């Protein structure tokens, strides 16, 4: 993995966990310090994060972490649902032996940690899983839009599960992902598409609950 990719992954994680708080102003130097990477990898990562609308580059004003906008996320959710459904349907159709092996490994990691997996641990597996599904779909152009959306919702998901969700919600998410993996591995594209739509329809409820909470006010 290149230094630029490592810097991107690190900064993306800091944004998801709100260690880089929504709406906060920052600088390249600060991001270098927080990520532990040098100027060139961080500069490359910031360009990608800016394209993904996770960091706003403001001339003469430095950098700003994208504010939390739950209303925008609600409006974008149908787009994400359609793209995720396409990616998972195609993955179930096109996955080769290497993709199946990687998906099986992800499933094993989720099963092993189902009862005690932290949100941070889940997000690492989920990010890797999304990349494998996208690769298996054979439609890498989807990634230009889908991967930034996944990060955006991973951040609101972090806030929901950290501050709002009831006990057991994390286990339910892990179980749902395991069910989806089993469907893709068994090469059932119709069931994969239906499962994705059912899973992501639940995000509407989570966004609504988060929007009503004081957390949304804090990070808006």
N, C-alpha and C. Protein backbone atom coordinates (compact mmCIF):
# COMPACT_ATOMS: atom_id res chain seq x y z
N UNK A 1 0.85 -1.19 0.00
CA UNK A 1 0.00 0.00 0.00
C UNK A 1 0.89 1.24 0.00
N UNK A 2 0.60 2.19 -0.88
CA UNK A 2 1.41 3.40 -0.99
C UNK A 2 1.24 4.28 0.25
N UNK A 3 2.20 5.19 0.45
CA UNK A 3 2.11 6.12 1.57
C UNK A 3 0.89 7.02 1.41
N UNK A 4 0.58 7.38 0.16
CA UNK A 4 -0.59 8.23 -0.09
C UNK A 4 -1.87 7.52 0.31
N UNK A 5 -1.96 6.22 0.01
CA UNK A 5 -3.14 5.45 0.39
C UNK A 5 -3.22 5.30 1.91
N UNK A 6 -2.09 5.08 2.55
CA UNK A 6 -2.07 4.96 4.01
C UNK A 6 -2.49 6.27 4.66
N UNK A 7 -2.01 7.39 4.12
CA UNK A 7 -2.39 8.69 4.65
C UNK A 7 -3.89 8.93 4.46
N UNK A 8 -4.39 8.54 3.28
CA UNK A 8 -5.83 8.67 3.01
C UNK A 8 -6.64 7.86 4.00
N UNK A 9 -6.25 6.60 4.20
CA UNK A 9 -6.99 5.73 5.13
C UNK A 9 -6.98 6.30 6.54
N UNK A 10 -5.83 6.84 6.95
CA UNK A 10 -5.72 7.39 8.30
C UNK A 10 -6.60 8.63 8.47
N UNK A 11 -6.54 9.54 7.51
CA UNK A 11 -7.34 10.76 7.60
C UNK A 11 -8.83 10.45 7.47
N UNK A 12 -9.17 9.52 6.60
CA UNK A 12 -10.56 9.10 6.46
C UNK A 12 -11.08 8.57 7.79
N UNK A 13 -10.27 7.76 8.47
CA UNK A 13 -10.66 7.21 9.77
C UNK A 13 -10.86 8.33 10.80
N UNK A 14 -9.99 9.33 10.79
CA UNK A 14 -10.12 10.45 11.72
C UNK A 14 -11.40 11.25 11.46
N UNK A 15 -11.80 11.32 10.18
CA UNK A 15 -13.04 12.01 9.84
C UNK A 15 -14.25 11.19 10.28
N UNK A 16 -14.21 9.88 10.03
CA UNK A 16 -15.33 9.00 10.38
C UNK A 16 -15.58 9.02 11.89
N UNK A 17 -14.52 8.95 12.67
CA UNK A 17 -14.67 8.89 14.12
C UNK A 17 -14.83 10.26 14.77
N UNK A 18 -14.88 11.31 13.95
CA UNK A 18 -15.01 12.70 14.37
C UNK A 18 -13.87 13.17 15.24
N UNK A 19 -12.72 12.45 15.21
CA UNK A 19 -11.53 13.02 15.82
C UNK A 19 -11.16 14.30 15.08
N UNK A 20 -11.41 14.30 13.77
CA UNK A 20 -11.44 15.54 12.99
C UNK A 20 -12.91 15.94 12.91
N UNK A 21 -13.30 16.88 13.74
CA UNK A 21 -14.73 17.16 13.93
C UNK A 21 -15.36 17.82 12.71
N UNK A 22 -16.60 17.46 12.41
CA UNK A 22 -17.32 18.10 11.32
C UNK A 22 -17.33 19.62 11.46
N UNK A 23 -16.98 20.30 10.38
CA UNK A 23 -16.97 21.75 10.39
C UNK A 23 -15.69 22.38 10.90
N UNK A 24 -14.78 21.58 11.46
CA UNK A 24 -13.55 22.13 12.03
C UNK A 24 -12.60 22.60 10.94
N UNK A 25 -11.89 23.67 11.21
CA UNK A 25 -10.87 24.16 10.30
C UNK A 25 -9.53 23.52 10.66
N UNK A 26 -8.72 23.26 9.63
CA UNK A 26 -7.43 22.62 9.87
C UNK A 26 -6.45 23.07 8.80
N UNK A 27 -5.24 22.54 8.85
CA UNK A 27 -4.20 22.89 7.88
C UNK A 27 -3.48 21.62 7.45
N UNK A 28 -2.74 21.72 6.36
CA UNK A 28 -1.94 20.58 5.93
C UNK A 28 -0.97 20.16 7.01
N UNK A 29 -0.35 21.14 7.66
CA UNK A 29 0.60 20.82 8.73
C UNK A 29 -0.03 20.06 9.87
N UNK A 30 -1.23 20.44 10.24
CA UNK A 30 -1.94 19.74 11.31
C UNK A 30 -2.30 18.33 10.90
N UNK A 31 -2.71 18.17 9.65
CA UNK A 31 -3.06 16.84 9.16
C UNK A 31 -1.82 15.94 9.06
N UNK A 32 -0.68 16.54 8.74
CA UNK A 32 0.57 15.77 8.74
C UNK A 32 0.87 15.28 10.15
N UNK A 33 0.69 16.15 11.12
CA UNK A 33 0.96 15.77 12.53
C UNK A 33 0.01 14.68 12.99
N UNK A 34 -1.27 14.83 12.69
CA UNK A 34 -2.26 13.87 13.16
C UNK A 34 -2.14 12.51 12.47
N UNK A 35 -1.79 12.52 11.19
CA UNK A 35 -1.72 11.27 10.44
C UNK A 35 -0.38 10.57 10.60
N UNK A 36 0.66 11.35 10.87
CA UNK A 36 1.99 10.77 10.97
C UNK A 36 2.69 10.60 9.63
N UNK A 37 2.13 11.22 8.59
CA UNK A 37 2.71 11.12 7.26
C UNK A 37 3.21 12.48 6.80
N UNK A 38 4.09 12.46 5.79
CA UNK A 38 4.71 13.67 5.31
C UNK A 38 3.82 14.47 4.38
N UNK A 39 4.38 15.57 3.88
CA UNK A 39 3.61 16.55 3.12
C UNK A 39 3.02 15.95 1.84
N UNK A 40 3.83 15.23 1.06
CA UNK A 40 3.33 14.74 -0.22
C UNK A 40 2.19 13.72 -0.07
N UNK A 41 2.34 12.68 0.78
CA UNK A 41 1.21 11.75 0.96
C UNK A 41 -0.05 12.43 1.49
N UNK A 42 0.13 13.37 2.42
CA UNK A 42 -1.03 14.06 2.99
C UNK A 42 -1.68 14.96 1.95
N UNK A 43 -0.85 15.63 1.15
CA UNK A 43 -1.40 16.48 0.09
C UNK A 43 -2.22 15.65 -0.89
N UNK A 44 -1.69 14.49 -1.27
CA UNK A 44 -2.43 13.59 -2.17
C UNK A 44 -3.74 13.13 -1.54
N UNK A 45 -3.67 12.80 -0.24
CA UNK A 45 -4.88 12.33 0.46
C UNK A 45 -5.93 13.43 0.54
N UNK A 46 -5.49 14.65 0.81
CA UNK A 46 -6.42 15.77 0.91
C UNK A 46 -7.11 16.03 -0.43
N UNK A 47 -6.37 15.90 -1.53
CA UNK A 47 -6.99 16.06 -2.85
C UNK A 47 -8.10 15.05 -3.05
N UNK A 48 -7.86 13.80 -2.67
CA UNK A 48 -8.88 12.76 -2.80
C UNK A 48 -10.07 13.03 -1.87
N UNK A 49 -9.78 13.44 -0.65
CA UNK A 49 -10.84 13.71 0.31
C UNK A 49 -11.65 14.94 -0.10
N UNK A 50 -11.00 15.88 -0.77
CA UNK A 50 -11.71 17.04 -1.28
C UNK A 50 -12.63 16.65 -2.42
N UNK A 51 -12.15 15.79 -3.32
CA UNK A 51 -12.99 15.29 -4.41
C UNK A 51 -14.19 14.54 -3.87
N UNK A 52 -13.98 13.84 -2.75
CA UNK A 52 -15.06 13.09 -2.11
C UNK A 52 -15.95 13.98 -1.24
N UNK A 53 -15.65 15.27 -1.19
CA UNK A 53 -16.44 16.25 -0.43
C UNK A 53 -16.39 16.00 1.07
N UNK A 54 -15.30 15.38 1.52
CA UNK A 54 -15.12 15.16 2.96
C UNK A 54 -14.26 16.25 3.59
N UNK A 55 -13.44 16.89 2.76
CA UNK A 55 -12.67 18.06 3.18
C UNK A 55 -12.94 19.16 2.17
N UNK A 56 -13.22 20.36 2.65
CA UNK A 56 -13.43 21.51 1.78
C UNK A 56 -12.15 22.34 1.74
N UNK A 57 -11.62 22.55 0.56
CA UNK A 57 -10.44 23.39 0.39
C UNK A 57 -10.91 24.80 0.12
N UNK A 58 -10.56 25.73 1.02
CA UNK A 58 -11.04 27.09 0.91
C UNK A 58 -9.86 28.03 0.69
N UNK A 59 -9.75 28.62 -0.50
CA UNK A 59 -8.63 29.52 -0.79
C UNK A 59 -8.48 30.60 0.26
N UNK A 60 -7.25 30.77 0.71
CA UNK A 60 -6.89 31.78 1.72
C UNK A 60 -7.48 31.50 3.09
N UNK A 61 -8.25 30.43 3.22
CA UNK A 61 -8.85 30.10 4.52
C UNK A 61 -8.44 28.72 5.01
N UNK A 62 -7.62 28.00 4.24
CA UNK A 62 -7.17 26.69 4.66
C UNK A 62 -8.17 25.59 4.34
N UNK A 63 -8.25 24.61 5.22
CA UNK A 63 -9.08 23.43 5.00
C UNK A 63 -10.18 23.36 6.05
N UNK A 64 -11.29 22.78 5.65
CA UNK A 64 -12.41 22.60 6.59
C UNK A 64 -12.99 21.21 6.42
N UNK A 65 -13.14 20.50 7.52
CA UNK A 65 -13.76 19.18 7.48
C UNK A 65 -15.24 19.37 7.15
N UNK A 66 -15.75 18.53 6.25
CA UNK A 66 -17.14 18.67 5.83
C UNK A 66 -18.08 18.63 7.03
N UNK A 67 -18.96 19.62 7.15
CA UNK A 67 -19.92 19.62 8.26
C UNK A 67 -20.89 18.44 8.14
N UNK A 68 -21.50 18.08 9.25
CA UNK A 68 -22.52 17.04 9.25
C UNK A 68 -23.80 17.62 8.67
N UNK A 69 -24.32 17.01 7.61
CA UNK A 69 -25.54 17.49 6.97
C UNK A 69 -26.46 16.28 6.79
N UNK A 70 -27.25 15.99 7.80
CA UNK A 70 -28.09 14.80 7.79
C UNK A 70 -29.22 14.91 6.77
N UNK A 71 -29.68 16.11 6.50
CA UNK A 71 -30.72 16.28 5.50
C UNK A 71 -30.18 15.92 4.11
N UNK A 72 -28.95 16.34 3.83
CA UNK A 72 -28.33 15.97 2.56
C UNK A 72 -28.14 14.46 2.47
N UNK A 73 -27.74 13.85 3.58
CA UNK A 73 -27.55 12.40 3.58
C UNK A 73 -28.88 11.67 3.33
N UNK A 74 -29.95 12.21 3.87
CA UNK A 74 -31.26 11.59 3.64
C UNK A 74 -31.63 11.67 2.16
N UNK A 75 -31.33 12.80 1.53
CA UNK A 75 -31.65 12.97 0.12
C UNK A 75 -30.74 12.13 -0.79
N UNK A 76 -29.51 11.89 -0.34
CA UNK A 76 -28.57 11.11 -1.14
C UNK A 76 -28.76 9.60 -0.97
N UNK A 77 -29.47 9.20 0.07
CA UNK A 77 -29.57 7.78 0.38
C UNK A 77 -30.16 6.94 -0.77
N UNK A 78 -31.19 7.41 -1.49
CA UNK A 78 -31.67 6.60 -2.61
C UNK A 78 -30.60 6.33 -3.66
N UNK A 79 -29.71 7.30 -3.88
CA UNK A 79 -28.61 7.11 -4.83
C UNK A 79 -27.68 6.02 -4.33
N UNK A 80 -27.35 6.09 -3.04
CA UNK A 80 -26.45 5.07 -2.50
C UNK A 80 -27.10 3.68 -2.57
N UNK A 81 -28.38 3.60 -2.24
CA UNK A 81 -29.07 2.31 -2.27
C UNK A 81 -28.98 1.68 -3.65
N UNK A 82 -29.25 2.49 -4.68
CA UNK A 82 -29.22 1.95 -6.05
C UNK A 82 -27.82 1.48 -6.42
N UNK A 83 -26.81 2.26 -6.06
CA UNK A 83 -25.44 1.91 -6.42
C UNK A 83 -24.96 0.68 -5.66
N UNK A 84 -25.30 0.60 -4.38
CA UNK A 84 -24.92 -0.56 -3.58
C UNK A 84 -25.61 -1.82 -4.11
N UNK A 85 -26.88 -1.66 -4.49
CA UNK A 85 -27.63 -2.81 -5.01
C UNK A 85 -27.00 -3.33 -6.30
N UNK A 86 -26.59 -2.42 -7.17
CA UNK A 86 -25.92 -2.81 -8.41
C UNK A 86 -24.60 -3.51 -8.12
N UNK A 87 -23.80 -2.91 -7.22
CA UNK A 87 -22.49 -3.48 -6.91
C UNK A 87 -22.60 -4.88 -6.33
N UNK A 88 -23.53 -5.08 -5.39
CA UNK A 88 -23.66 -6.39 -4.75
C UNK A 88 -24.27 -7.42 -5.69
N UNK A 89 -25.21 -6.99 -6.52
CA UNK A 89 -25.80 -7.90 -7.51
C UNK A 89 -24.73 -8.39 -8.48
N UNK A 90 -23.92 -7.46 -8.99
CA UNK A 90 -22.86 -7.83 -9.93
C UNK A 90 -21.78 -8.67 -9.26
N UNK A 91 -21.48 -8.36 -8.00
CA UNK A 91 -20.47 -9.14 -7.27
C UNK A 91 -20.92 -10.59 -7.14
N UNK A 92 -22.20 -10.78 -6.86
CA UNK A 92 -22.73 -12.15 -6.76
C UNK A 92 -22.64 -12.88 -8.10
N UNK A 93 -22.72 -12.14 -9.18
CA UNK A 93 -22.65 -12.74 -10.52
C UNK A 93 -21.21 -12.98 -10.98
N UNK A 94 -20.32 -12.05 -10.63
CA UNK A 94 -19.01 -12.02 -11.28
C UNK A 94 -17.83 -12.38 -10.38
N UNK A 95 -18.03 -12.53 -9.09
CA UNK A 95 -16.91 -12.78 -8.17
C UNK A 95 -16.11 -14.00 -8.61
N UNK A 96 -14.78 -13.85 -8.67
CA UNK A 96 -13.94 -15.00 -9.00
C UNK A 96 -13.48 -15.68 -7.71
N UNK A 97 -12.65 -16.69 -7.85
CA UNK A 97 -12.23 -17.48 -6.68
C UNK A 97 -11.50 -16.63 -5.65
N UNK A 98 -10.69 -15.67 -6.12
CA UNK A 98 -9.95 -14.82 -5.20
C UNK A 98 -10.90 -13.90 -4.42
N UNK A 99 -11.89 -13.35 -5.12
CA UNK A 99 -12.88 -12.51 -4.45
C UNK A 99 -13.65 -13.31 -3.40
N UNK A 100 -14.06 -14.52 -3.75
CA UNK A 100 -14.80 -15.37 -2.82
C UNK A 100 -13.96 -15.67 -1.58
N UNK A 101 -12.67 -15.90 -1.80
CA UNK A 101 -11.77 -16.17 -0.66
C UNK A 101 -11.70 -14.96 0.26
N UNK A 102 -11.60 -13.77 -0.34
CA UNK A 102 -11.54 -12.55 0.48
C UNK A 102 -12.85 -12.28 1.21
N UNK A 103 -13.96 -12.51 0.52
CA UNK A 103 -15.26 -12.33 1.16
C UNK A 103 -15.48 -13.33 2.29
N UNK A 104 -15.01 -14.54 2.09
CA UNK A 104 -15.11 -15.57 3.13
C UNK A 104 -14.27 -15.20 4.34
N UNK A 105 -13.09 -14.62 4.09
CA UNK A 105 -12.22 -14.19 5.19
C UNK A 105 -12.87 -13.06 5.98
N UNK A 106 -13.53 -12.14 5.26
CA UNK A 106 -14.24 -11.05 5.94
C UNK A 106 -15.38 -11.60 6.78
N UNK A 107 -16.10 -12.58 6.23
CA UNK A 107 -17.19 -13.20 6.97
C UNK A 107 -16.68 -13.88 8.24
N UNK A 108 -15.55 -14.55 8.12
CA UNK A 108 -14.97 -15.22 9.28
C UNK A 108 -14.58 -14.22 10.35
N UNK A 109 -14.02 -13.08 9.93
CA UNK A 109 -13.64 -12.03 10.89
C UNK A 109 -14.87 -11.48 11.60
N UNK A 110 -15.96 -11.31 10.87
CA UNK A 110 -17.19 -10.81 11.47
C UNK A 110 -17.79 -11.83 12.43
N UNK A 111 -17.78 -13.11 12.04
CA UNK A 111 -18.32 -14.15 12.92
C UNK A 111 -17.51 -14.25 14.21
N UNK A 112 -16.19 -14.15 14.08
CA UNK A 112 -15.32 -14.27 15.25
C UNK A 112 -15.55 -13.14 16.25
N UNK A 113 -15.90 -11.98 15.74
CA UNK A 113 -16.05 -10.83 16.64
C UNK A 113 -17.48 -10.40 16.86
N UNK A 114 -18.45 -11.22 16.41
CA UNK A 114 -19.85 -10.80 16.44
C UNK A 114 -20.30 -10.35 17.82
N UNK A 115 -19.89 -11.04 18.87
CA UNK A 115 -20.41 -10.74 20.20
C UNK A 115 -19.64 -9.64 20.92
N UNK A 116 -18.45 -9.28 20.39
CA UNK A 116 -17.67 -8.28 21.11
C UNK A 116 -16.96 -7.29 20.22
N UNK A 117 -17.32 -7.25 18.95
CA UNK A 117 -16.63 -6.36 18.00
C UNK A 117 -16.98 -4.90 18.29
N UNK A 118 -15.94 -4.07 18.36
CA UNK A 118 -16.17 -2.65 18.55
C UNK A 118 -16.55 -2.02 17.21
N UNK A 119 -17.09 -0.82 17.30
CA UNK A 119 -17.47 -0.11 16.09
C UNK A 119 -16.24 0.18 15.22
N UNK A 120 -15.13 0.53 15.86
CA UNK A 120 -13.90 0.82 15.12
C UNK A 120 -13.41 -0.44 14.39
N UNK A 121 -13.47 -1.58 15.05
CA UNK A 121 -13.06 -2.84 14.42
C UNK A 121 -13.98 -3.19 13.26
N UNK A 122 -15.28 -2.99 13.46
CA UNK A 122 -16.23 -3.28 12.39
C UNK A 122 -15.97 -2.39 11.18
N UNK A 123 -15.69 -1.11 11.41
CA UNK A 123 -15.49 -0.19 10.30
C UNK A 123 -14.28 -0.58 9.45
N UNK A 124 -13.24 -1.13 10.09
CA UNK A 124 -12.08 -1.59 9.32
C UNK A 124 -12.48 -2.73 8.40
N UNK A 125 -13.19 -3.72 8.94
CA UNK A 125 -13.64 -4.86 8.13
C UNK A 125 -14.62 -4.40 7.06
N UNK A 126 -15.52 -3.51 7.43
CA UNK A 126 -16.53 -3.02 6.49
C UNK A 126 -15.89 -2.29 5.32
N UNK A 127 -14.88 -1.48 5.59
CA UNK A 127 -14.18 -0.76 4.53
C UNK A 127 -13.49 -1.72 3.57
N UNK A 128 -12.84 -2.74 4.12
CA UNK A 128 -12.18 -3.75 3.29
C UNK A 128 -13.21 -4.53 2.48
N UNK A 129 -14.31 -4.86 3.13
CA UNK A 129 -15.38 -5.61 2.48
C UNK A 129 -15.96 -4.84 1.30
N UNK A 130 -16.19 -3.54 1.49
CA UNK A 130 -16.73 -2.72 0.41
C UNK A 130 -15.80 -2.71 -0.80
N UNK A 131 -14.49 -2.65 -0.52
CA UNK A 131 -13.52 -2.63 -1.61
C UNK A 131 -13.53 -3.94 -2.40
N UNK A 132 -13.67 -5.07 -1.69
CA UNK A 132 -13.70 -6.37 -2.36
C UNK A 132 -14.97 -6.51 -3.20
N UNK A 133 -16.11 -6.09 -2.66
CA UNK A 133 -17.37 -6.17 -3.40
C UNK A 133 -17.29 -5.33 -4.66
N UNK A 134 -16.73 -4.13 -4.53
CA UNK A 134 -16.59 -3.26 -5.69
C UNK A 134 -15.69 -3.90 -6.74
N UNK A 135 -14.57 -4.48 -6.30
CA UNK A 135 -13.67 -5.15 -7.23
C UNK A 135 -14.36 -6.34 -7.90
N UNK A 136 -15.11 -7.10 -7.12
CA UNK A 136 -15.80 -8.28 -7.65
C UNK A 136 -16.89 -7.89 -8.65
N UNK A 137 -17.47 -6.71 -8.48
CA UNK A 137 -18.53 -6.27 -9.39
C UNK A 137 -18.00 -6.02 -10.79
N UNK A 138 -16.70 -5.69 -10.89
CA UNK A 138 -16.11 -5.41 -12.19
C UNK A 138 -16.47 -4.05 -12.74
N UNK A 139 -17.14 -3.22 -11.94
CA UNK A 139 -17.55 -1.88 -12.37
C UNK A 139 -16.87 -0.84 -11.48
N UNK A 140 -15.59 -0.64 -11.71
CA UNK A 140 -14.81 0.23 -10.83
C UNK A 140 -15.24 1.69 -10.91
N UNK A 141 -15.91 2.09 -11.98
CA UNK A 141 -16.40 3.47 -12.07
C UNK A 141 -17.40 3.78 -10.96
N UNK A 142 -18.06 2.75 -10.46
CA UNK A 142 -18.98 2.94 -9.34
C UNK A 142 -18.26 3.54 -8.13
N UNK A 143 -17.00 3.17 -7.98
CA UNK A 143 -16.25 3.59 -6.81
C UNK A 143 -16.08 5.09 -6.69
N UNK A 144 -16.06 5.81 -7.83
CA UNK A 144 -15.86 7.26 -7.79
C UNK A 144 -16.95 7.96 -6.99
N UNK A 145 -18.14 7.41 -7.02
CA UNK A 145 -19.25 7.99 -6.26
C UNK A 145 -19.57 7.18 -5.01
N UNK A 146 -19.53 5.87 -5.14
CA UNK A 146 -19.99 5.02 -4.05
C UNK A 146 -19.06 5.06 -2.83
N UNK A 147 -17.76 5.02 -3.05
CA UNK A 147 -16.85 4.97 -1.90
C UNK A 147 -16.92 6.24 -1.04
N UNK A 148 -16.97 7.45 -1.64
CA UNK A 148 -17.17 8.64 -0.79
C UNK A 148 -18.50 8.60 -0.02
N UNK A 149 -19.55 8.09 -0.66
CA UNK A 149 -20.83 7.97 0.04
C UNK A 149 -20.73 7.01 1.21
N UNK A 150 -20.01 5.92 1.02
CA UNK A 150 -19.85 4.95 2.11
C UNK A 150 -19.14 5.58 3.30
N UNK A 151 -18.12 6.40 3.03
CA UNK A 151 -17.43 7.08 4.12
C UNK A 151 -18.34 8.08 4.81
N UNK A 152 -19.11 8.82 4.03
CA UNK A 152 -20.03 9.81 4.58
C UNK A 152 -21.01 9.17 5.55
N UNK A 153 -21.60 8.03 5.14
CA UNK A 153 -22.57 7.35 5.99
C UNK A 153 -21.89 6.59 7.12
N UNK A 154 -20.63 6.23 6.92
CA UNK A 154 -19.90 5.58 8.01
C UNK A 154 -19.71 6.57 9.17
N UNK A 155 -19.52 7.86 8.83
CA UNK A 155 -19.39 8.87 9.88
C UNK A 155 -20.69 9.06 10.63
N UNK A 156 -21.81 9.21 9.92
CA UNK A 156 -23.09 9.37 10.63
C UNK A 156 -23.44 8.09 11.37
N UNK A 157 -23.03 6.94 10.82
CA UNK A 157 -23.23 5.67 11.53
C UNK A 157 -22.43 5.62 12.81
N UNK A 158 -21.22 6.15 12.77
CA UNK A 158 -20.38 6.21 13.98
C UNK A 158 -21.09 7.03 15.05
N UNK A 159 -21.60 8.18 14.67
CA UNK A 159 -22.29 9.04 15.64
C UNK A 159 -23.54 8.37 16.17
N UNK A 160 -24.30 7.71 15.30
CA UNK A 160 -25.52 7.03 15.72
C UNK A 160 -25.22 5.92 16.71
N UNK A 161 -24.27 5.05 16.38
CA UNK A 161 -23.98 3.91 17.25
C UNK A 161 -23.25 4.31 18.52
N UNK A 162 -22.55 5.43 18.49
CA UNK A 162 -21.82 5.89 19.67
C UNK A 162 -22.73 6.62 20.65
N UNK A 163 -23.71 7.37 20.13
CA UNK A 163 -24.49 8.26 21.00
C UNK A 163 -25.98 7.95 21.08
N UNK A 164 -26.54 7.23 20.10
CA UNK A 164 -28.00 7.12 20.02
C UNK A 164 -28.50 5.69 20.06
N UNK A 165 -27.82 4.78 19.38
CA UNK A 165 -28.33 3.42 19.17
C UNK A 165 -28.55 2.68 20.48
N UNK A 166 -29.53 1.78 20.45
CA UNK A 166 -29.82 0.96 21.63
C UNK A 166 -28.84 -0.21 21.71
N UNK A 167 -28.82 -0.85 22.86
CA UNK A 167 -27.93 -1.99 23.07
C UNK A 167 -28.32 -3.12 22.09
N UNK A 168 -27.33 -3.72 21.50
CA UNK A 168 -27.59 -4.80 20.56
C UNK A 168 -27.62 -4.37 19.11
N UNK A 169 -27.63 -3.05 18.87
CA UNK A 169 -27.70 -2.55 17.49
C UNK A 169 -26.46 -2.95 16.69
N UNK A 170 -25.30 -2.94 17.35
CA UNK A 170 -24.06 -3.30 16.66
C UNK A 170 -24.10 -4.75 16.22
N UNK A 171 -24.59 -5.63 17.10
CA UNK A 171 -24.69 -7.05 16.76
C UNK A 171 -25.64 -7.27 15.59
N UNK A 172 -26.70 -6.48 15.53
CA UNK A 172 -27.65 -6.60 14.42
C UNK A 172 -26.99 -6.22 13.10
N UNK A 173 -26.16 -5.18 13.13
CA UNK A 173 -25.46 -4.74 11.91
C UNK A 173 -24.51 -5.82 11.43
N UNK A 174 -23.77 -6.41 12.36
CA UNK A 174 -22.82 -7.47 12.01
C UNK A 174 -23.57 -8.65 11.40
N UNK A 175 -24.68 -9.03 12.01
CA UNK A 175 -25.48 -10.16 11.50
C UNK A 175 -25.99 -9.88 10.10
N UNK A 176 -26.46 -8.68 9.85
CA UNK A 176 -26.96 -8.33 8.53
C UNK A 176 -25.86 -8.41 7.48
N UNK A 177 -24.66 -7.95 7.82
CA UNK A 177 -23.54 -8.02 6.89
C UNK A 177 -23.14 -9.47 6.63
N UNK A 178 -23.21 -10.30 7.64
CA UNK A 178 -22.92 -11.72 7.46
C UNK A 178 -23.94 -12.36 6.51
N UNK A 179 -25.20 -12.01 6.67
CA UNK A 179 -26.23 -12.55 5.78
C UNK A 179 -25.97 -12.13 4.34
N UNK A 180 -25.59 -10.86 4.14
CA UNK A 180 -25.29 -10.38 2.80
C UNK A 180 -24.09 -11.11 2.21
N UNK A 181 -23.06 -11.29 3.01
CA UNK A 181 -21.87 -12.00 2.52
C UNK A 181 -22.21 -13.42 2.12
N UNK A 182 -22.99 -14.10 2.93
CA UNK A 182 -23.37 -15.48 2.60
C UNK A 182 -24.13 -15.54 1.27
N UNK A 183 -24.98 -14.53 1.03
CA UNK A 183 -25.75 -14.50 -0.21
C UNK A 183 -24.84 -14.28 -1.41
N UNK A 184 -23.90 -13.33 -1.28
CA UNK A 184 -22.98 -13.06 -2.40
C UNK A 184 -22.10 -14.28 -2.67
N UNK A 185 -21.59 -14.89 -1.60
CA UNK A 185 -20.72 -16.06 -1.75
C UNK A 185 -21.48 -17.22 -2.41
N UNK A 186 -22.78 -17.32 -2.11
CA UNK A 186 -23.59 -18.39 -2.70
C UNK A 186 -24.06 -18.04 -4.11
N UNK A 187 -23.67 -16.85 -4.59
CA UNK A 187 -23.92 -16.39 -5.97
C UNK A 187 -25.42 -16.29 -6.28
N UNK A 188 -26.12 -15.56 -5.42
CA UNK A 188 -27.55 -15.32 -5.64
C UNK A 188 -27.75 -13.82 -5.84
N UNK A 189 -27.63 -13.32 -7.09
CA UNK A 189 -27.68 -11.87 -7.33
C UNK A 189 -29.01 -11.23 -6.96
N UNK A 190 -30.12 -11.92 -7.18
CA UNK A 190 -31.44 -11.35 -6.85
C UNK A 190 -31.57 -11.16 -5.34
N UNK A 191 -31.19 -12.18 -4.58
CA UNK A 191 -31.27 -12.07 -3.12
C UNK A 191 -30.30 -11.01 -2.60
N UNK A 192 -29.13 -10.89 -3.23
CA UNK A 192 -28.15 -9.88 -2.81
C UNK A 192 -28.72 -8.48 -2.97
N UNK A 193 -29.37 -8.25 -4.11
CA UNK A 193 -29.97 -6.93 -4.36
C UNK A 193 -31.07 -6.64 -3.34
N UNK A 194 -31.92 -7.61 -3.07
CA UNK A 194 -33.01 -7.41 -2.11
C UNK A 194 -32.46 -7.17 -0.69
N UNK A 195 -31.40 -7.90 -0.35
CA UNK A 195 -30.82 -7.76 0.99
C UNK A 195 -30.23 -6.37 1.18
N UNK A 196 -29.53 -5.87 0.18
CA UNK A 196 -28.94 -4.53 0.28
C UNK A 196 -30.03 -3.48 0.47
N UNK A 197 -31.09 -3.59 -0.31
CA UNK A 197 -32.17 -2.61 -0.19
C UNK A 197 -32.80 -2.65 1.21
N UNK A 198 -32.97 -3.84 1.75
CA UNK A 198 -33.55 -3.96 3.09
C UNK A 198 -32.62 -3.38 4.15
N UNK A 199 -31.31 -3.67 4.01
CA UNK A 199 -30.34 -3.17 4.99
C UNK A 199 -30.29 -1.64 4.99
N UNK A 200 -30.18 -1.06 3.80
CA UNK A 200 -29.98 0.38 3.72
C UNK A 200 -31.26 1.17 3.97
N UNK A 201 -32.41 0.53 3.83
CA UNK A 201 -33.66 1.22 4.16
C UNK A 201 -33.71 1.55 5.65
N UNK A 202 -32.99 0.76 6.46
CA UNK A 202 -32.93 1.01 7.90
C UNK A 202 -32.16 2.29 8.22
N UNK A 203 -31.33 2.74 7.28
CA UNK A 203 -30.53 3.94 7.52
C UNK A 203 -31.43 5.17 7.64
N UNK A 204 -32.56 5.16 6.94
CA UNK A 204 -33.51 6.29 7.07
C UNK A 204 -33.89 6.51 8.53
N UNK A 205 -34.22 5.42 9.21
CA UNK A 205 -34.63 5.51 10.61
C UNK A 205 -33.48 6.02 11.48
N UNK A 206 -32.27 5.52 11.22
CA UNK A 206 -31.10 5.95 12.00
C UNK A 206 -30.83 7.43 11.80
N UNK A 207 -30.92 7.90 10.57
CA UNK A 207 -30.69 9.32 10.30
C UNK A 207 -31.74 10.18 10.99
N UNK A 208 -32.98 9.71 10.98
CA UNK A 208 -34.06 10.46 11.62
C UNK A 208 -33.83 10.58 13.13
N UNK A 209 -33.43 9.47 13.75
CA UNK A 209 -33.17 9.49 15.20
C UNK A 209 -31.97 10.38 15.52
N UNK A 210 -30.95 10.30 14.67
CA UNK A 210 -29.75 11.12 14.89
C UNK A 210 -30.08 12.59 14.72
N UNK A 211 -30.93 12.89 13.73
CA UNK A 211 -31.29 14.27 13.46
C UNK A 211 -32.06 14.89 14.63
N UNK A 212 -32.81 14.07 15.35
CA UNK A 212 -33.59 14.57 16.49
C UNK A 212 -32.76 14.68 17.76
N UNK A 213 -31.56 14.13 17.74
CA UNK A 213 -30.73 14.11 18.94
C UNK A 213 -29.91 15.39 19.08
N UNK A 214 -29.37 15.60 20.26
CA UNK A 214 -28.51 16.76 20.50
C UNK A 214 -27.17 16.61 19.80
N UNK A 215 -26.84 15.38 19.44
CA UNK A 215 -25.57 15.14 18.75
C UNK A 215 -25.53 15.88 17.43
N UNK A 216 -26.66 15.85 16.71
CA UNK A 216 -26.72 16.53 15.42
C UNK A 216 -26.47 18.03 15.58
N UNK A 217 -27.00 18.62 16.62
CA UNK A 217 -26.78 20.05 16.87
C UNK A 217 -25.32 20.33 17.13
N UNK A 218 -24.67 19.43 17.84
CA UNK A 218 -23.26 19.63 18.22
C UNK A 218 -22.33 19.63 17.02
N UNK A 219 -22.65 18.80 16.02
CA UNK A 219 -21.73 18.63 14.89
C UNK A 219 -22.20 19.27 13.60
N UNK A 220 -23.33 19.95 13.63
CA UNK A 220 -23.85 20.59 12.41
C UNK A 220 -22.96 21.75 11.99
